[in-house]
PDB file of N, CA and C in Angstrom:
ATOM      1  N   MET A   1     -14.336  18.748 -16.151  1.00  0.00           N
ATOM      2  CA  MET A   1     -13.124  18.221 -16.762  1.00  0.00           C
ATOM      3  C   MET A   1     -13.291  16.725 -17.012  1.00  0.00           C
ATOM      4  N   GLU A   2     -13.009  16.301 -18.210  1.00  0.00           N
ATOM      5  CA  GLU A   2     -13.109  14.892 -18.591  1.00  0.00           C
ATOM      6  C   GLU A   2     -11.872  14.140 -18.098  1.00  0.00           C
ATOM      7  N   LEU A   3     -12.108  13.050 -17.391  1.00  0.00           N
ATOM      8  CA  LEU A   3     -10.994  12.242 -16.888  1.00  0.00           C
ATOM      9  C   LEU A   3     -10.659  11.138 -17.873  1.00  0.00           C
ATOM     10  N   SER A   4      -9.366  10.863 -18.030  1.00  0.00           N
ATOM     11  CA  SER A   4      -8.934   9.795 -18.933  1.00  0.00           C
ATOM     12  C   SER A   4      -9.315   8.436 -18.338  1.00  0.00           C
ATOM     13  N   ASP A   5      -9.355   7.425 -19.206  1.00  0.00           N
ATOM     14  CA  ASP A   5      -9.652   6.065 -18.737  1.00  0.00           C
ATOM     15  C   ASP A   5      -8.634   5.621 -17.698  1.00  0.00           C
ATOM     16  N   GLU A   6      -7.355   5.975 -17.932  1.00  0.00           N
ATOM     17  CA  GLU A   6      -6.312   5.595 -16.978  1.00  0.00           C
ATOM     18  C   GLU A   6      -6.572   6.227 -15.613  1.00  0.00           C
ATOM     19  N   MET A   7      -6.954   7.488 -15.616  1.00  0.00           N
ATOM     20  CA  MET A   7      -7.215   8.187 -14.353  1.00  0.00           C
ATOM     21  C   MET A   7      -8.429   7.576 -13.643  1.00  0.00           C
ATOM     22  N   LEU A   8      -9.475   7.273 -14.391  1.00  0.00           N
ATOM     23  CA  LEU A   8     -10.661   6.641 -13.803  1.00  0.00           C
ATOM     24  C   LEU A   8     -10.316   5.280 -13.198  1.00  0.00           C
ATOM     25  N   THR A   9      -9.449   4.534 -13.887  1.00  0.00           N
ATOM     26  CA  THR A   9      -9.009   3.228 -13.398  1.00  0.00           C
ATOM     27  C   THR A   9      -8.254   3.379 -12.080  1.00  0.00           C
ATOM     28  N   GLU A  10      -7.371   4.369 -11.999  1.00  0.00           N
ATOM     29  CA  GLU A  10      -6.598   4.594 -10.770  1.00  0.00           C
ATOM     30  C   GLU A  10      -7.500   5.050  -9.624  1.00  0.00           C
ATOM     31  N   ILE A  11      -8.461   5.918  -9.929  1.00  0.00           N
ATOM     32  CA  ILE A  11      -9.409   6.383  -8.901  1.00  0.00           C
ATOM     33  C   ILE A  11     -10.184   5.187  -8.342  1.00  0.00           C
ATOM     34  N   SER A  12     -10.642   4.332  -9.234  1.00  0.00           N
ATOM     35  CA  SER A  12     -11.366   3.135  -8.831  1.00  0.00           C
ATOM     36  C   SER A  12     -10.489   2.220  -7.984  1.00  0.00           C
ATOM     37  N   TYR A  13      -9.228   2.047  -8.398  1.00  0.00           N
ATOM     38  CA  TYR A  13      -8.276   1.206  -7.664  1.00  0.00           C
ATOM     39  C   TYR A  13      -8.125   1.693  -6.221  1.00  0.00           C
ATOM     40  N   VAL A  14      -8.059   2.993  -6.031  1.00  0.00           N
ATOM     41  CA  VAL A  14      -7.920   3.555  -4.685  1.00  0.00           C
ATOM     42  C   VAL A  14      -9.225   3.410  -3.910  1.00  0.00           C
ATOM     43  N   GLU A  15     -10.343   3.699  -4.565  1.00  0.00           N
ATOM     44  CA  GLU A  15     -11.631   3.729  -3.860  1.00  0.00           C
ATOM     45  C   GLU A  15     -12.124   2.351  -3.420  1.00  0.00           C
ATOM     46  N   ILE A  16     -11.698   1.273  -4.078  1.00  0.00           N
ATOM     47  CA  ILE A  16     -12.187  -0.052  -3.675  1.00  0.00           C
ATOM     48  C   ILE A  16     -11.516  -0.544  -2.391  1.00  0.00           C
ATOM     49  N   SER A  17     -10.478   0.149  -1.932  1.00  0.00           N
ATOM     50  CA  SER A  17      -9.808  -0.229  -0.691  1.00  0.00           C
ATOM     51  C   SER A  17      -9.878   0.931   0.297  1.00  0.00           C
ATOM     52  N   LYS A  18     -10.504   0.665   1.429  1.00  0.00           N
ATOM     53  CA  LYS A  18     -10.610   1.699   2.468  1.00  0.00           C
ATOM     54  C   LYS A  18      -9.212   2.124   2.930  1.00  0.00           C
ATOM     55  N   TYR A  19      -8.292   1.163   3.007  1.00  0.00           N
ATOM     56  CA  TYR A  19      -6.922   1.471   3.423  1.00  0.00           C
ATOM     57  C   TYR A  19      -6.247   2.408   2.425  1.00  0.00           C
ATOM     58  N   ARG A  20      -6.337   2.065   1.136  1.00  0.00           N
ATOM     59  CA  ARG A  20      -5.701   2.919   0.118  1.00  0.00           C
ATOM     60  C   ARG A  20      -6.318   4.309   0.134  1.00  0.00           C
ATOM     61  N   LEU A  21      -7.632   4.351   0.249  1.00  0.00           N
ATOM     62  CA  LEU A  21      -8.353   5.626   0.277  1.00  0.00           C
ATOM     63  C   LEU A  21      -7.882   6.492   1.450  1.00  0.00           C
ATOM     64  N   ASN A  22      -7.801   5.899   2.635  1.00  0.00           N
ATOM     65  CA  ASN A  22      -7.399   6.654   3.818  1.00  0.00           C
ATOM     66  C   ASN A  22      -5.946   7.114   3.755  1.00  0.00           C
ATOM     67  N   VAL A  23      -5.061   6.287   3.202  1.00  0.00           N
ATOM     68  CA  VAL A  23      -3.656   6.679   3.073  1.00  0.00           C
ATOM     69  C   VAL A  23      -3.525   7.833   2.075  1.00  0.00           C
ATOM     70  N   MET A  24      -4.242   7.751   0.965  1.00  0.00           N
ATOM     71  CA  MET A  24      -4.205   8.830  -0.034  1.00  0.00           C
ATOM     72  C   MET A  24      -4.688  10.140   0.586  1.00  0.00           C
ATOM     73  N   LYS A  25      -5.784  10.069   1.346  1.00  0.00           N
ATOM     74  CA  LYS A  25      -6.322  11.279   1.982  1.00  0.00           C
ATOM     75  C   LYS A  25      -5.356  11.819   3.033  1.00  0.00           C
ATOM     76  N   ALA A  26      -4.691  10.928   3.776  1.00  0.00           N
ATOM     77  CA  ALA A  26      -3.742  11.358   4.808  1.00  0.00           C
ATOM     78  C   ALA A  26      -2.550  12.078   4.175  1.00  0.00           C
ATOM     79  N   LEU A  27      -2.168  11.668   2.969  1.00  0.00           N
ATOM     80  CA  LEU A  27      -1.018  12.264   2.297  1.00  0.00           C
ATOM     81  C   LEU A  27      -1.366  13.479   1.450  1.00  0.00           C
ATOM     82  N   ASP A  28      -2.644  13.714   1.217  1.00  0.00           N
ATOM     83  CA  ASP A  28      -3.057  14.784   0.307  1.00  0.00           C
ATOM     84  C   ASP A  28      -2.468  16.128   0.739  1.00  0.00           C
ATOM     85  N   GLY A  29      -1.590  16.670  -0.081  1.00  0.00           N
ATOM     86  CA  GLY A  29      -0.987  17.971   0.175  1.00  0.00           C
ATOM     87  C   GLY A  29       0.034  17.973   1.297  1.00  0.00           C
ATOM     88  N   ASP A  30       0.572  16.797   1.641  1.00  0.00           N
ATOM     89  CA  ASP A  30       1.469  16.711   2.780  1.00  0.00           C
ATOM     90  C   ASP A  30       2.592  15.712   2.531  1.00  0.00           C
ATOM     91  N   VAL A  31       3.651  15.811   3.331  1.00  0.00           N
ATOM     92  CA  VAL A  31       4.752  14.845   3.318  1.00  0.00           C
ATOM     93  C   VAL A  31       4.796  14.243   4.713  1.00  0.00           C
ATOM     94  N   LYS A  32       4.740  12.911   4.811  1.00  0.00           N
ATOM     95  CA  LYS A  32       4.657  12.272   6.126  1.00  0.00           C
ATOM     96  C   LYS A  32       5.457  10.981   6.175  1.00  0.00           C
ATOM     97  N   ILE A  33       5.824  10.601   7.407  1.00  0.00           N
ATOM     98  CA  ILE A  33       6.433   9.291   7.628  1.00  0.00           C
ATOM     99  C   ILE A  33       5.303   8.290   7.902  1.00  0.00           C
ATOM    100  N   PRO A  34       5.552   6.991   7.687  1.00  0.00           N
ATOM    101  CA  PRO A  34       4.486   5.991   7.856  1.00  0.00           C
ATOM    102  C   PRO A  34       3.767   6.025   9.207  1.00  0.00           C
ATOM    103  N   THR A  35       4.488   6.278  10.308  1.00  0.00           N
ATOM    104  CA  THR A  35       3.802   6.283  11.605  1.00  0.00           C
ATOM    105  C   THR A  35       2.793   7.426  11.702  1.00  0.00           C
ATOM    106  N   VAL A  36       3.095   8.559  11.086  1.00  0.00           N
ATOM    107  CA  VAL A  36       2.155   9.688  11.087  1.00  0.00           C
ATOM    108  C   VAL A  36       0.979   9.389  10.154  1.00  0.00           C
ATOM    109  N   ILE A  37       1.269   8.759   9.007  1.00  0.00           N
ATOM    110  CA  ILE A  37       0.193   8.343   8.097  1.00  0.00           C
ATOM    111  C   ILE A  37      -0.746   7.393   8.839  1.00  0.00           C
ATOM    112  N   ALA A  38      -0.162   6.445   9.583  1.00  0.00           N
ATOM    113  CA  ALA A  38      -0.957   5.475  10.346  1.00  0.00           C
ATOM    114  C   ALA A  38      -1.845   6.182  11.358  1.00  0.00           C
ATOM    115  N   ARG A  39      -1.261   7.127  12.083  1.00  0.00           N
ATOM    116  CA  ARG A  39      -2.028   7.865  13.093  1.00  0.00           C
ATOM    117  C   ARG A  39      -3.151   8.668  12.440  1.00  0.00           C
ATOM    118  N   ASP A  40      -2.830   9.382  11.353  1.00  0.00           N
ATOM    119  CA  ASP A  40      -3.818  10.248  10.706  1.00  0.00           C
ATOM    120  C   ASP A  40      -4.920   9.472   9.987  1.00  0.00           C
ATOM    121  N   SER A  41      -4.602   8.255   9.535  1.00  0.00           N
ATOM    122  CA  SER A  41      -5.592   7.495   8.765  1.00  0.00           C
ATOM    123  C   SER A  41      -6.304   6.433   9.600  1.00  0.00           C
ATOM    124  N   GLY A  42      -5.823   6.211  10.819  1.00  0.00           N
ATOM    125  CA  GLY A  42      -6.452   5.211  11.683  1.00  0.00           C
ATOM    126  C   GLY A  42      -6.142   3.784  11.260  1.00  0.00           C
ATOM    127  N   ILE A  43      -5.031   3.594  10.557  1.00  0.00           N
ATOM    128  CA  ILE A  43      -4.627   2.271  10.076  1.00  0.00           C
ATOM    129  C   ILE A  43      -3.342   1.881  10.790  1.00  0.00           C
ATOM    130  N   ARG A  44      -3.216   0.596  11.147  1.00  0.00           N
ATOM    131  CA  ARG A  44      -1.985   0.144  11.813  1.00  0.00           C
ATOM    132  C   ARG A  44      -0.782   0.295  10.882  1.00  0.00           C
ATOM    133  N   THR A  45       0.375   0.579  11.475  1.00  0.00           N
ATOM    134  CA  THR A  45       1.586   0.872  10.711  1.00  0.00           C
ATOM    135  C   THR A  45       1.975  -0.243   9.754  1.00  0.00           C
ATOM    136  N   ASN A  46       1.820  -1.509  10.177  1.00  0.00           N
ATOM    137  CA  ASN A  46       2.202  -2.606   9.273  1.00  0.00           C
ATOM    138  C   ASN A  46       1.329  -2.617   8.019  1.00  0.00           C
ATOM    139  N   HIS A  47       0.072  -2.217   8.140  1.00  0.00           N
ATOM    140  CA  HIS A  47      -0.807  -2.128   6.965  1.00  0.00           C
ATOM    141  C   HIS A  47      -0.418  -0.939   6.093  1.00  0.00           C
ATOM    142  N   VAL A  48      -0.033   0.165   6.726  1.00  0.00           N
ATOM    143  CA  VAL A  48       0.359   1.364   5.990  1.00  0.00           C
ATOM    144  C   VAL A  48       1.532   1.057   5.065  1.00  0.00           C
ATOM    145  N   SER A  49       2.519   0.312   5.561  1.00  0.00           N
ATOM    146  CA  SER A  49       3.685  -0.030   4.740  1.00  0.00           C
ATOM    147  C   SER A  49       3.276  -0.811   3.496  1.00  0.00           C
ATOM    148  N   LYS A  50       2.375  -1.774   3.663  1.00  0.00           N
ATOM    149  CA  LYS A  50       1.905  -2.566   2.523  1.00  0.00           C
ATOM    150  C   LYS A  50       1.149  -1.679   1.523  1.00  0.00           C
ATOM    151  N   VAL A  51       0.278  -0.831   2.040  1.00  0.00           N
ATOM    152  CA  VAL A  51      -0.506   0.069   1.192  1.00  0.00           C
ATOM    153  C   VAL A  51       0.413   1.037   0.441  1.00  0.00           C
ATOM    154  N   LEU A  52       1.428   1.566   1.130  1.00  0.00           N
ATOM    155  CA  LEU A  52       2.363   2.479   0.473  1.00  0.00           C
ATOM    156  C   LEU A  52       3.072   1.796  -0.686  1.00  0.00           C
ATOM    157  N   SER A  53       3.475   0.538  -0.498  1.00  0.00           N
ATOM    158  CA  SER A  53       4.163  -0.138  -1.607  1.00  0.00           C
ATOM    159  C   SER A  53       3.203  -0.406  -2.767  1.00  0.00           C
ATOM    160  N   GLU A  54       1.935  -0.707  -2.464  1.00  0.00           N
ATOM    161  CA  GLU A  54       0.938  -0.873  -3.536  1.00  0.00           C
ATOM    162  C   GLU A  54       0.753   0.440  -4.300  1.00  0.00           C
ATOM    163  N   LEU A  55       0.618   1.532  -3.563  1.00  0.00           N
ATOM    164  CA  LEU A  55       0.408   2.834  -4.195  1.00  0.00           C
ATOM    165  C   LEU A  55       1.649   3.275  -4.970  1.00  0.00           C
ATOM    166  N   LYS A  56       2.827   2.874  -4.483  1.00  0.00           N
ATOM    167  CA  LYS A  56       4.069   3.207  -5.177  1.00  0.00           C
ATOM    168  C   LYS A  56       4.129   2.485  -6.526  1.00  0.00           C
ATOM    169  N   GLU A  57       3.684   1.223  -6.548  1.00  0.00           N
ATOM    170  CA  GLU A  57       3.648   0.463  -7.804  1.00  0.00           C
ATOM    171  C   GLU A  57       2.750   1.133  -8.836  1.00  0.00           C
ATOM    172  N   HIS A  58       1.715   1.794  -8.371  1.00  0.00           N
ATOM    173  CA  HIS A  58       0.790   2.495  -9.265  1.00  0.00           C
ATOM    174  C   HIS A  58       1.225   3.936  -9.524  1.00  0.00           C
ATOM    175  N   GLU A  59       2.413   4.291  -9.018  1.00  0.00           N
ATOM    176  CA  GLU A  59       2.986   5.636  -9.192  1.00  0.00           C
ATOM    177  C   GLU A  59       2.083   6.733  -8.626  1.00  0.00           C
ATOM    178  N   LEU A  60       1.428   6.425  -7.505  1.00  0.00           N
ATOM    179  CA  LEU A  60       0.568   7.400  -6.848  1.00  0.00           C
ATOM    180  C   LEU A  60       1.265   8.062  -5.667  1.00  0.00           C
ATOM    181  N   VAL A  61       2.217   7.355  -5.063  1.00  0.00           N
ATOM    182  CA  VAL A  61       3.026   7.946  -3.991  1.00  0.00           C
ATOM    183  C   VAL A  61       4.495   7.705  -4.297  1.00  0.00           C
ATOM    184  N   GLU A  62       5.342   8.536  -3.681  1.00  0.00           N
ATOM    185  CA  GLU A  62       6.781   8.358  -3.832  1.00  0.00           C
ATOM    186  C   GLU A  62       7.456   8.596  -2.493  1.00  0.00           C
ATOM    187  N   CYS A  63       8.581   7.907  -2.324  1.00  0.00           N
ATOM    188  CA  CYS A  63       9.409   8.104  -1.145  1.00  0.00           C
ATOM    189  C   CYS A  63      10.495   9.090  -1.542  1.00  0.00           C
ATOM    190  N   ILE A  64      10.627  10.187  -0.777  1.00  0.00           N
ATOM    191  CA  ILE A  64      11.599  11.213  -1.177  1.00  0.00           C
ATOM    192  C   ILE A  64      12.975  11.012  -0.549  1.00  0.00           C
ATOM    193  N   ASN A  65      13.096  10.048   0.374  1.00  0.00           N
ATOM    194  CA  ASN A  65      14.412   9.734   0.947  1.00  0.00           C
ATOM    195  C   ASN A  65      14.582   8.221   1.110  1.00  0.00           C
ATOM    196  N   PRO A  66      14.550   7.469  -0.010  1.00  0.00           N
ATOM    197  CA  PRO A  66      14.569   6.001   0.060  1.00  0.00           C
ATOM    198  C   PRO A  66      15.848   5.419   0.653  1.00  0.00           C
ATOM    199  N   GLU A  67      16.905   6.230   0.753  1.00  0.00           N
ATOM    200  CA  GLU A  67      18.177   5.708   1.256  1.00  0.00           C
ATOM    201  C   GLU A  67      18.161   5.493   2.772  1.00  0.00           C
ATOM    202  N   VAL A  68      17.226   6.116   3.486  1.00  0.00           N
ATOM    203  CA  VAL A  68      17.178   5.931   4.937  1.00  0.00           C
ATOM    204  C   VAL A  68      16.277   4.743   5.284  1.00  0.00           C
ATOM    205  N   LYS A  69      16.598   4.087   6.386  1.00  0.00           N
ATOM    206  CA  LYS A  69      15.803   2.928   6.814  1.00  0.00           C
ATOM    207  C   LYS A  69      14.643   3.365   7.706  1.00  0.00           C
ATOM    208  N   LYS A  70      14.905   4.316   8.584  1.00  0.00           N
ATOM    209  CA  LYS A  70      13.851   4.806   9.485  1.00  0.00           C
ATOM    210  C   LYS A  70      13.519   6.251   9.127  1.00  0.00           C
ATOM    211  N   GLY A  71      12.248   6.591   9.213  1.00  0.00           N
ATOM    212  CA  GLY A  71      11.834   7.967   8.958  1.00  0.00           C
ATOM    213  C   GLY A  71      11.735   8.319   7.480  1.00  0.00           C
ATOM    214  N   ARG A  72      11.370   7.323   6.659  1.00  0.00           N
ATOM    215  CA  ARG A  72      11.166   7.613   5.231  1.00  0.00           C
ATOM    216  C   ARG A  72       9.989   8.561   5.058  1.00  0.00           C
ATOM    217  N   LEU A  73      10.161   9.506   4.155  1.00  0.00           N
ATOM    218  CA  LEU A  73       9.122  10.508   3.894  1.00  0.00           C
ATOM    219  C   LEU A  73       8.386  10.165   2.604  1.00  0.00           C
ATOM    220  N   TYR A  74       7.072  10.187   2.684  1.00  0.00           N
ATOM    221  CA  TYR A  74       6.241   9.872   1.520  1.00  0.00           C
ATOM    222  C   TYR A  74       5.379  11.065   1.162  1.00  0.00           C
ATOM    223  N   ARG A  75       5.130  11.194  -0.134  1.00  0.00           N
ATOM    224  CA  ARG A  75       4.204  12.222  -0.628  1.00  0.00           C
ATOM    225  C   ARG A  75       3.518  11.677  -1.877  1.00  0.00           C
ATOM    226  N   LEU A  76       2.423  12.340  -2.254  1.00  0.00           N
ATOM    227  CA  LEU A  76       1.719  11.967  -3.477  1.00  0.00           C
ATOM    228  C   LEU A  76       2.523  12.451  -4.677  1.00  0.00           C
ATOM    229  N   THR A  77       2.517  11.662  -5.746  1.00  0.00           N
ATOM    230  CA  THR A  77       3.097  12.110  -7.009  1.00  0.00           C
ATOM    231  C   THR A  77       2.092  13.057  -7.666  1.00  0.00           C
ATOM    232  N   ASP A  78       2.470  13.661  -8.798  1.00  0.00           N
ATOM    233  CA  ASP A  78       1.517  14.515  -9.526  1.00  0.00           C
ATOM    234  C   ASP A  78       0.269  13.716  -9.887  1.00  0.00           C
ATOM    235  N   LYS A  79       0.492  12.480 -10.356  1.00  0.00           N
ATOM    236  CA  LYS A  79      -0.630  11.598 -10.690  1.00  0.00           C
ATOM    237  C   LYS A  79      -1.460  11.309  -9.432  1.00  0.00           C
ATOM    238  N   GLY A  80      -0.778  11.070  -8.311  1.00  0.00           N
ATOM    239  CA  GLY A  80      -1.463  10.808  -7.047  1.00  0.00           C
ATOM    240  C   GLY A  80      -2.301  11.986  -6.594  1.00  0.00           C
ATOM    241  N   GLU A  81      -1.770  13.216  -6.798  1.00  0.00           N
ATOM    242  CA  GLU A  81      -2.519  14.427  -6.451  1.00  0.00           C
ATOM    243  C   GLU A  81      -3.815  14.512  -7.251  1.00  0.00           C
ATOM    244  N   LYS A  82      -3.698  14.222  -8.561  1.00  0.00           N
ATOM    245  CA  LYS A  82      -4.895  14.268  -9.424  1.00  0.00           C
ATOM    246  C   LYS A  82      -5.924  13.246  -8.957  1.00  0.00           C
ATOM    247  N   VAL A  83      -5.451  12.037  -8.640  1.00  0.00           N
ATOM    248  CA  VAL A  83      -6.362  10.991  -8.155  1.00  0.00           C
ATOM    249  C   VAL A  83      -7.010  11.439  -6.845  1.00  0.00           C
ATOM    250  N   ALA A  84      -6.196  11.922  -5.912  1.00  0.00           N
ATOM    251  CA  ALA A  84      -6.706  12.338  -4.597  1.00  0.00           C
ATOM    252  C   ALA A  84      -7.789  13.408  -4.721  1.00  0.00           C
ATOM    253  N   HIS A  85      -7.613  14.324  -5.670  1.00  0.00           N
ATOM    254  CA  HIS A  85      -8.588  15.407  -5.827  1.00  0.00           C
ATOM    255  C   HIS A  85      -9.880  14.942  -6.490  1.00  0.00           C
ATOM    256  N   ASN A  86      -9.860  13.712  -7.031  1.00  0.00           N
ATOM    257  CA  ASN A  86     -11.072  13.187  -7.663  1.00  0.00           C
ATOM    258  C   ASN A  86     -11.712  12.038  -6.881  1.00  0.00           C
ATOM    259  N   LEU A  87     -11.238  11.807  -5.657  1.00  0.00           N
ATOM    260  CA  LEU A  87     -11.811  10.738  -4.846  1.00  0.00           C
ATOM    261  C   LEU A  87     -13.161  11.174  -4.306  1.00  0.00           C
ATOM    262  N   ASN A  88     -14.072  10.206  -4.213  1.00  0.00           N
ATOM    263  CA  ASN A  88     -15.394  10.500  -3.646  1.00  0.00           C
ATOM    264  C   ASN A  88     -15.303  10.550  -2.147  1.00  0.00           C
ATOM    265  N   ASP A  89     -15.888  11.566  -1.553  1.00  0.00           N
ATOM    266  CA  ASP A  89     -15.962  11.637  -0.089  1.00  0.00           C
ATOM    267  C   ASP A  89     -17.289  11.034   0.329  1.00  0.00           C
ATOM    268  N   ASP A  90     -17.199   9.798   0.808  1.00  0.00           N
ATOM    269  CA  ASP A  90     -18.422   9.115   1.232  1.00  0.00           C
ATOM    270  C   ASP A  90     -18.782   9.480   2.652  1.00  0.00           C
TER     271      ASP A  90
END
């Protein structure tokens, strides 16, 4: 399958950051709160929050309950799923 330039750009954006890569993999096919993402990806929670907002700006993740302050749930968007499935496993 031929990937679009936009998709290749997003894949590259995720792959150049170990944090972004690990958060994407932790969320792949799942819905999680930041503390669980942190535990599953081995990244401290304060870093996870920053990474989630970066990925949200790129429309790769979404918060499904933004109205709550604690226990926000995150999942990959359709675009995020496509990116996650094309990430290199090093």
